[in-house]
């Protein structure tokens, strides 16, 4: 299950303009079995579970950053 942090307004620059932080999507999964985890704790519990052969090397994080397109883009998607 993907963890999505929505785009939001960040700090204000010295010129008074606001910084728009991008939307970030993170997928945590087992690269061998393709099982997706709900969060880092879920992945860590799979690694710690003696009934599985999952190791830290099997855990994969895929991060996608979505930003607004164009120099004059405004608003939050």
PDB file of N, CA and C in Angstrom:
ATOM      1  N   UNK A   1       0.849  -1.177   0.000  1.00  0.00           N
ATOM      2  CA  UNK A   1       0.000   0.000   0.000  1.00  0.00           C
ATOM      3  C   UNK A   1       0.893   1.237   0.000  1.00  0.00           C
ATOM      4  N   UNK A   2       0.664   2.111  -0.922  1.00  0.00           N
ATOM      5  CA  UNK A   2       1.484   3.309  -1.044  1.00  0.00           C
ATOM      6  C   UNK A   2       1.174   4.294   0.075  1.00  0.00           C
ATOM      7  N   UNK A   3       2.224   4.929   0.570  1.00  0.00           N
ATOM      8  CA  UNK A   3       2.094   5.994   1.557  1.00  0.00           C
ATOM      9  C   UNK A   3       2.219   7.298   0.787  1.00  0.00           C
ATOM     10  N   UNK A   4       1.171   8.135   0.816  1.00  0.00           N
ATOM     11  CA  UNK A   4       1.183   9.364   0.027  1.00  0.00           C
ATOM     12  C   UNK A   4       1.129  10.575   0.945  1.00  0.00           C
ATOM     13  N   UNK A   5       2.140  11.438   0.800  1.00  0.00           N
ATOM     14  CA  UNK A   5       2.152  12.730   1.484  1.00  0.00           C
ATOM     15  C   UNK A   5       1.714  13.755   0.444  1.00  0.00           C
ATOM     16  N   UNK A   6       0.570  14.375   0.664  1.00  0.00           N
ATOM     17  CA  UNK A   6       0.019  15.334  -0.287  1.00  0.00           C
ATOM     18  C   UNK A   6       0.902  16.576  -0.401  1.00  0.00           C
ATOM     19  N   UNK A   7       0.832  17.243  -1.548  1.00  0.00           N
ATOM     20  CA  UNK A   7       1.534  18.504  -1.740  1.00  0.00           C
ATOM     21  C   UNK A   7       0.997  19.513  -0.731  1.00  0.00           C
ATOM     22  N   UNK A   8       1.883  20.369  -0.229  1.00  0.00           N
ATOM     23  CA  UNK A   8       1.458  21.362   0.757  1.00  0.00           C
ATOM     24  C   UNK A   8       2.368  22.567   0.694  1.00  0.00           C
ATOM     25  N   UNK A   9       1.904  23.648   1.282  1.00  0.00           N
ATOM     26  CA  UNK A   9       2.709  24.862   1.335  1.00  0.00           C
ATOM     27  C   UNK A   9       3.745  24.723   2.432  1.00  0.00           C
ATOM     28  N   UNK A  10       4.961  25.147   2.116  1.00  0.00           N
ATOM     29  CA  UNK A  10       6.052  25.082   3.076  1.00  0.00           C
ATOM     30  C   UNK A  10       6.377  26.458   3.622  1.00  0.00           C
ATOM     31  N   UNK A  11       7.642  26.715   3.810  1.00  0.00           N
ATOM     32  CA  UNK A  11       8.109  27.988   4.350  1.00  0.00           C
ATOM     33  C   UNK A  11       7.886  29.132   3.363  1.00  0.00           C
ATOM     34  N   UNK A  12       8.140  30.344   3.838  1.00  0.00           N
ATOM     35  CA  UNK A  12       8.045  31.542   3.012  1.00  0.00           C
ATOM     36  C   UNK A  12       9.461  32.025   2.722  1.00  0.00           C
ATOM     37  N   UNK A  13       9.730  32.336   1.448  1.00  0.00           N
ATOM     38  CA  UNK A  13      11.041  32.850   1.059  1.00  0.00           C
ATOM     39  C   UNK A  13      11.197  34.296   1.517  1.00  0.00           C
ATOM     40  N   UNK A  14      12.415  34.804   1.424  1.00  0.00           N
ATOM     41  CA  UNK A  14      12.695  36.196   1.820  1.00  0.00           C
ATOM     42  C   UNK A  14      11.881  37.194   1.006  1.00  0.00           C
ATOM     43  N   UNK A  15      11.558  36.857  -0.259  1.00  0.00           N
ATOM     44  CA  UNK A  15      10.789  37.772  -1.096  1.00  0.00           C
ATOM     45  C   UNK A  15       9.283  37.678  -0.839  1.00  0.00           C
ATOM     46  N   UNK A  16       8.871  36.841   0.103  1.00  0.00           N
ATOM     47  CA  UNK A  16       7.463  36.708   0.462  1.00  0.00           C
ATOM     48  C   UNK A  16       6.730  35.598  -0.266  1.00  0.00           C
ATOM     49  N   UNK A  17       7.352  34.993  -1.279  1.00  0.00           N
ATOM     50  CA  UNK A  17       6.691  33.903  -1.995  1.00  0.00           C
ATOM     51  C   UNK A  17       6.753  32.627  -1.161  1.00  0.00           C
ATOM     52  N   UNK A  18       5.765  31.765  -1.351  1.00  0.00           N
ATOM     53  CA  UNK A  18       5.709  30.531  -0.584  1.00  0.00           C
ATOM     54  C   UNK A  18       6.355  29.384  -1.352  1.00  0.00           C
ATOM     55  N   UNK A  19       6.897  28.465  -0.615  1.00  0.00           N
ATOM     56  CA  UNK A  19       7.498  27.263  -1.193  1.00  0.00           C
ATOM     57  C   UNK A  19       6.445  26.166  -1.198  1.00  0.00           C
ATOM     58  N   UNK A  20       6.226  25.557  -2.343  1.00  0.00           N
ATOM     59  CA  UNK A  20       5.277  24.455  -2.470  1.00  0.00           C
ATOM     60  C   UNK A  20       6.046  23.144  -2.378  1.00  0.00           C
ATOM     61  N   UNK A  21       5.741  22.356  -1.359  1.00  0.00           N
ATOM     62  CA  UNK A  21       6.383  21.055  -1.199  1.00  0.00           C
ATOM     63  C   UNK A  21       5.659  20.045  -2.086  1.00  0.00           C
ATOM     64  N   UNK A  22       6.374  19.159  -2.758  1.00  0.00           N
ATOM     65  CA  UNK A  22       5.754  18.232  -3.711  1.00  0.00           C
ATOM     66  C   UNK A  22       4.997  17.102  -3.024  1.00  0.00           C
ATOM     67  N   UNK A  23       4.148  16.434  -3.811  1.00  0.00           N
ATOM     68  CA  UNK A  23       3.513  15.205  -3.340  1.00  0.00           C
ATOM     69  C   UNK A  23       4.557  14.096  -3.419  1.00  0.00           C
ATOM     70  N   UNK A  24       4.632  13.279  -2.367  1.00  0.00           N
ATOM     71  CA  UNK A  24       5.608  12.197  -2.311  1.00  0.00           C
ATOM     72  C   UNK A  24       4.864  10.883  -2.077  1.00  0.00           C
ATOM     73  N   UNK A  25       5.102   9.916  -2.953  1.00  0.00           N
ATOM     74  CA  UNK A  25       4.505   8.584  -2.816  1.00  0.00           C
ATOM     75  C   UNK A  25       5.623   7.589  -2.526  1.00  0.00           C
ATOM     76  N   UNK A  26       5.471   6.808  -1.445  1.00  0.00           N
ATOM     77  CA  UNK A  26       6.463   5.818  -1.065  1.00  0.00           C
ATOM     78  C   UNK A  26       5.813   4.438  -1.019  1.00  0.00           C
ATOM     79  N   UNK A  27       6.419   3.497  -1.704  1.00  0.00           N
ATOM     80  CA  UNK A  27       5.965   2.106  -1.676  1.00  0.00           C
ATOM     81  C   UNK A  27       7.090   1.299  -1.035  1.00  0.00           C
ATOM     82  N   UNK A  28       6.746   0.545   0.006  1.00  0.00           N
ATOM     83  CA  UNK A  28       7.717  -0.314   0.682  1.00  0.00           C
ATOM     84  C   UNK A  28       7.311  -1.748   0.369  1.00  0.00           C
ATOM     85  N   UNK A  29       8.232  -2.497  -0.235  1.00  0.00           N
ATOM     86  CA  UNK A  29       7.855  -3.860  -0.614  1.00  0.00           C
ATOM     87  C   UNK A  29       9.038  -4.811  -0.527  1.00  0.00           C
ATOM     88  N   UNK A  30       8.707  -6.088  -0.561  1.00  0.00           N
ATOM     89  CA  UNK A  30       9.692  -7.151  -0.591  1.00  0.00           C
ATOM     90  C   UNK A  30      10.046  -7.380  -2.062  1.00  0.00           C
ATOM     91  N   UNK A  31      11.285  -7.139  -2.418  1.00  0.00           N
ATOM     92  CA  UNK A  31      11.713  -7.237  -3.817  1.00  0.00           C
ATOM     93  C   UNK A  31      11.635  -8.672  -4.343  1.00  0.00           C
ATOM     94  N   UNK A  32      11.769  -9.648  -3.471  1.00  0.00           N
ATOM     95  CA  UNK A  32      11.710 -11.046  -3.897  1.00  0.00           C
ATOM     96  C   UNK A  32      10.288 -11.530  -4.082  1.00  0.00           C
ATOM     97  N   UNK A  33       9.419 -11.231  -3.112  1.00  0.00           N
ATOM     98  CA  UNK A  33       8.056 -11.777  -3.134  1.00  0.00           C
ATOM     99  C   UNK A  33       7.023 -10.802  -3.686  1.00  0.00           C
ATOM    100  N   UNK A  34       7.409  -9.538  -3.874  1.00  0.00           N
ATOM    101  CA  UNK A  34       6.510  -8.475  -4.363  1.00  0.00           C
ATOM    102  C   UNK A  34       5.418  -8.099  -3.344  1.00  0.00           C
ATOM    103  N   UNK A  35       5.526  -8.560  -2.100  1.00  0.00           N
ATOM    104  CA  UNK A  35       4.552  -8.192  -1.061  1.00  0.00           C
ATOM    105  C   UNK A  35       4.779  -6.734  -0.678  1.00  0.00           C
ATOM    106  N   UNK A  36       3.699  -5.939  -0.672  1.00  0.00           N
ATOM    107  CA  UNK A  36       3.782  -4.539  -0.254  1.00  0.00           C
ATOM    108  C   UNK A  36       3.430  -4.431   1.219  1.00  0.00           C
ATOM    109  N   UNK A  37       4.184  -3.583   1.929  1.00  0.00           N
ATOM    110  CA  UNK A  37       3.982  -3.375   3.360  1.00  0.00           C
ATOM    111  C   UNK A  37       3.238  -2.065   3.605  1.00  0.00           C
ATOM    112  N   UNK A  38       2.518  -2.003   4.720  1.00  0.00           N
ATOM    113  CA  UNK A  38       1.780  -0.795   5.082  1.00  0.00           C
ATOM    114  C   UNK A  38       2.712   0.330   5.506  1.00  0.00           C
ATOM    115  N   UNK A  39       3.829  -0.018   6.146  1.00  0.00           N
ATOM    116  CA  UNK A  39       4.768   0.980   6.643  1.00  0.00           C
ATOM    117  C   UNK A  39       6.097   0.298   6.983  1.00  0.00           C
ATOM    118  N   UNK A  40       7.055   1.084   7.490  1.00  0.00           N
ATOM    119  CA  UNK A  40       8.368   0.539   7.838  1.00  0.00           C
ATOM    120  C   UNK A  40       8.279  -0.500   8.957  1.00  0.00           C
ATOM    121  N   UNK A  41       7.380  -0.285   9.911  1.00  0.00           N
ATOM    122  CA  UNK A  41       7.229  -1.231  11.020  1.00  0.00           C
ATOM    123  C   UNK A  41       6.770  -2.604  10.519  1.00  0.00           C
ATOM    124  N   UNK A  42       5.863  -2.602   9.562  1.00  0.00           N
ATOM    125  CA  UNK A  42       5.373  -3.860   8.978  1.00  0.00           C
ATOM    126  C   UNK A  42       6.517  -4.606   8.285  1.00  0.00           C
ATOM    127  N   UNK A  43       7.341  -3.874   7.544  1.00  0.00           N
ATOM    128  CA  UNK A  43       8.487  -4.491   6.865  1.00  0.00           C
ATOM    129  C   UNK A  43       9.484  -5.030   7.887  1.00  0.00           C
ATOM    130  N   UNK A  44       9.749  -4.260   8.943  1.00  0.00           N
ATOM    131  CA  UNK A  44      10.696  -4.680   9.978  1.00  0.00           C
ATOM    132  C   UNK A  44      10.198  -5.933  10.696  1.00  0.00           C
ATOM    133  N   UNK A  45       8.886  -6.021  10.912  1.00  0.00           N
ATOM    134  CA  UNK A  45       8.356  -7.213  11.586  1.00  0.00           C
ATOM    135  C   UNK A  45       8.481  -8.453  10.699  1.00  0.00           C
ATOM    136  N   UNK A  46       8.391  -8.264   9.387  1.00  0.00           N
ATOM    137  CA  UNK A  46       8.586  -9.397   8.473  1.00  0.00           C
ATOM    138  C   UNK A  46      10.033  -9.873   8.532  1.00  0.00           C
ATOM    139  N   UNK A  47      10.979  -8.930   8.581  1.00  0.00           N
ATOM    140  CA  UNK A  47      12.397  -9.291   8.675  1.00  0.00           C
ATOM    141  C   UNK A  47      12.669 -10.006   9.997  1.00  0.00           C
ATOM    142  N   UNK A  48      12.054  -9.520  11.078  1.00  0.00           N
ATOM    143  CA  UNK A  48      12.287 -10.094  12.414  1.00  0.00           C
ATOM    144  C   UNK A  48      11.571 -11.428  12.633  1.00  0.00           C
ATOM    145  N   UNK A  49      10.579 -11.733  11.809  1.00  0.00           N
ATOM    146  CA  UNK A  49       9.795 -12.955  11.980  1.00  0.00           C
ATOM    147  C   UNK A  49      10.640 -14.186  11.636  1.00  0.00           C
ATOM    148  N   UNK A  50      10.850 -15.081  12.614  1.00  0.00           N
ATOM    149  CA  UNK A  50      11.667 -16.263  12.336  1.00  0.00           C
ATOM    150  C   UNK A  50      10.998 -17.261  11.376  1.00  0.00           C
ATOM    151  N   UNK A  51       9.706 -17.072  11.117  1.00  0.00           N
ATOM    152  CA  UNK A  51       8.984 -17.969  10.207  1.00  0.00           C
ATOM    153  C   UNK A  51       9.119 -17.568   8.743  1.00  0.00           C
ATOM    154  N   UNK A  52       9.808 -16.447   8.464  1.00  0.00           N
ATOM    155  CA  UNK A  52      10.037 -16.028   7.078  1.00  0.00           C
ATOM    156  C   UNK A  52      11.540 -15.964   6.826  1.00  0.00           C
ATOM    157  N   UNK A  53      11.921 -16.017   5.568  1.00  0.00           N
ATOM    158  CA  UNK A  53      13.342 -15.890   5.232  1.00  0.00           C
ATOM    159  C   UNK A  53      13.665 -14.488   4.706  1.00  0.00           C
ATOM    160  N   UNK A  54      12.802 -13.513   5.014  1.00  0.00           N
ATOM    161  CA  UNK A  54      12.995 -12.132   4.578  1.00  0.00           C
ATOM    162  C   UNK A  54      14.174 -11.504   5.311  1.00  0.00           C
ATOM    163  N   UNK A  55      15.041 -10.835   4.545  1.00  0.00           N
ATOM    164  CA  UNK A  55      16.183 -10.138   5.127  1.00  0.00           C
ATOM    165  C   UNK A  55      16.058  -8.643   4.830  1.00  0.00           C
ATOM    166  N   UNK A  56      16.905  -7.845   5.466  1.00  0.00           N
ATOM    167  CA  UNK A  56      16.916  -6.399   5.195  1.00  0.00           C
ATOM    168  C   UNK A  56      17.177  -6.113   3.721  1.00  0.00           C
ATOM    169  N   UNK A  57      17.986  -6.943   3.079  1.00  0.00           N
ATOM    170  CA  UNK A  57      18.306  -6.738   1.664  1.00  0.00           C
ATOM    171  C   UNK A  57      17.097  -6.944   0.754  1.00  0.00           C
ATOM    172  N   UNK A  58      16.070  -7.637   1.235  1.00  0.00           N
ATOM    173  CA  UNK A  58      14.863  -7.875   0.437  1.00  0.00           C
ATOM    174  C   UNK A  58      13.921  -6.674   0.428  1.00  0.00           C
ATOM    175  N   UNK A  59      14.060  -5.788   1.400  1.00  0.00           N
ATOM    176  CA  UNK A  59      13.146  -4.655   1.527  1.00  0.00           C
ATOM    177  C   UNK A  59      13.551  -3.552   0.555  1.00  0.00           C
ATOM    178  N   UNK A  60      12.573  -3.088  -0.196  1.00  0.00           N
ATOM    179  CA  UNK A  60      12.800  -2.088  -1.240  1.00  0.00           C
ATOM    180  C   UNK A  60      11.866  -0.906  -1.008  1.00  0.00           C
ATOM    181  N   UNK A  61      12.380   0.305  -1.155  1.00  0.00           N
ATOM    182  CA  UNK A  61      11.574   1.527  -1.053  1.00  0.00           C
ATOM    183  C   UNK A  61      11.575   2.195  -2.422  1.00  0.00           C
ATOM    184  N   UNK A  62      10.389   2.444  -2.942  1.00  0.00           N
ATOM    185  CA  UNK A  62      10.248   3.133  -4.221  1.00  0.00           C
ATOM    186  C   UNK A  62       9.604   4.482  -3.913  1.00  0.00           C
ATOM    187  N   UNK A  63      10.316   5.559  -4.187  1.00  0.00           N
ATOM    188  CA  UNK A  63       9.833   6.902  -3.865  1.00  0.00           C
ATOM    189  C   UNK A  63       9.595   7.663  -5.160  1.00  0.00           C
ATOM    190  N   UNK A  64       8.380   8.180  -5.301  1.00  0.00           N
ATOM    191  CA  UNK A  64       8.012   8.984  -6.465  1.00  0.00           C
ATOM    192  C   UNK A  64       7.669  10.385  -5.970  1.00  0.00           C
ATOM    193  N   UNK A  65       8.299  11.398  -6.572  1.00  0.00           N
ATOM    194  CA  UNK A  65       8.041  12.785  -6.199  1.00  0.00           C
ATOM    195  C   UNK A  65       7.330  13.452  -7.361  1.00  0.00           C
ATOM    196  N   UNK A  66       6.167  14.025  -7.081  1.00  0.00           N
ATOM    197  CA  UNK A  66       5.394  14.716  -8.116  1.00  0.00           C
ATOM    198  C   UNK A  66       5.444  16.216  -7.853  1.00  0.00           C
ATOM    199  N   UNK A  67       5.947  16.952  -8.824  1.00  0.00           N
ATOM    200  CA  UNK A  67       6.050  18.410  -8.683  1.00  0.00           C
ATOM    201  C   UNK A  67       5.192  19.079  -9.755  1.00  0.00           C
ATOM    202  N   UNK A  68       4.859  20.344  -9.498  1.00  0.00           N
ATOM    203  CA  UNK A  68       4.105  21.116 -10.488  1.00  0.00           C
ATOM    204  C   UNK A  68       4.981  21.378 -11.695  1.00  0.00           C
ATOM    205  N   UNK A  69       4.372  21.452 -12.839  1.00  0.00           N
ATOM    206  CA  UNK A  69       5.081  21.648 -14.083  1.00  0.00           C
ATOM    207  C   UNK A  69       5.081  23.136 -14.461  1.00  0.00           C
ATOM    208  N   UNK A  70       6.215  23.654 -14.848  1.00  0.00           N
ATOM    209  CA  UNK A  70       6.285  25.018 -15.353  1.00  0.00           C
ATOM    210  C   UNK A  70       6.766  26.013 -14.324  1.00  0.00           C
ATOM    211  N   UNK A  71       7.356  27.099 -14.807  1.00  0.00           N
ATOM    212  CA  UNK A  71       7.923  28.132 -13.958  1.00  0.00           C
ATOM    213  C   UNK A  71       6.852  28.891 -13.197  1.00  0.00           C
ATOM    214  N   UNK A  72       5.730  29.173 -13.811  1.00  0.00           N
ATOM    215  CA  UNK A  72       4.671  29.982 -13.199  1.00  0.00           C
ATOM    216  C   UNK A  72       3.553  29.148 -12.565  1.00  0.00           C
ATOM    217  N   UNK A  73       3.765  27.854 -12.370  1.00  0.00           N
ATOM    218  CA  UNK A  73       2.732  26.998 -11.803  1.00  0.00           C
ATOM    219  C   UNK A  73       2.396  27.437 -10.382  1.00  0.00           C
ATOM    220  N   UNK A  74       1.114  27.365 -10.041  1.00  0.00           N
ATOM    221  CA  UNK A  74       0.662  27.735  -8.702  1.00  0.00           C
ATOM    222  C   UNK A  74      -0.377  26.751  -8.237  1.00  0.00           C
ATOM    223  N   UNK A  75      -0.583  26.699  -6.950  1.00  0.00           N
ATOM    224  CA  UNK A  75      -1.641  25.878  -6.396  1.00  0.00           C
ATOM    225  C   UNK A  75      -1.156  24.529  -5.925  1.00  0.00           C
ATOM    226  N   UNK A  76      -2.060  23.805  -5.295  1.00  0.00           N
ATOM    227  CA  UNK A  76      -1.759  22.478  -4.779  1.00  0.00           C
ATOM    228  C   UNK A  76      -2.649  21.495  -5.500  1.00  0.00           C
ATOM    229  N   UNK A  77      -2.028  20.449  -6.019  1.00  0.00           N
ATOM    230  CA  UNK A  77      -2.782  19.426  -6.746  1.00  0.00           C
ATOM    231  C   UNK A  77      -3.647  18.610  -5.828  1.00  0.00           C
TER     232      UNK A  77
END
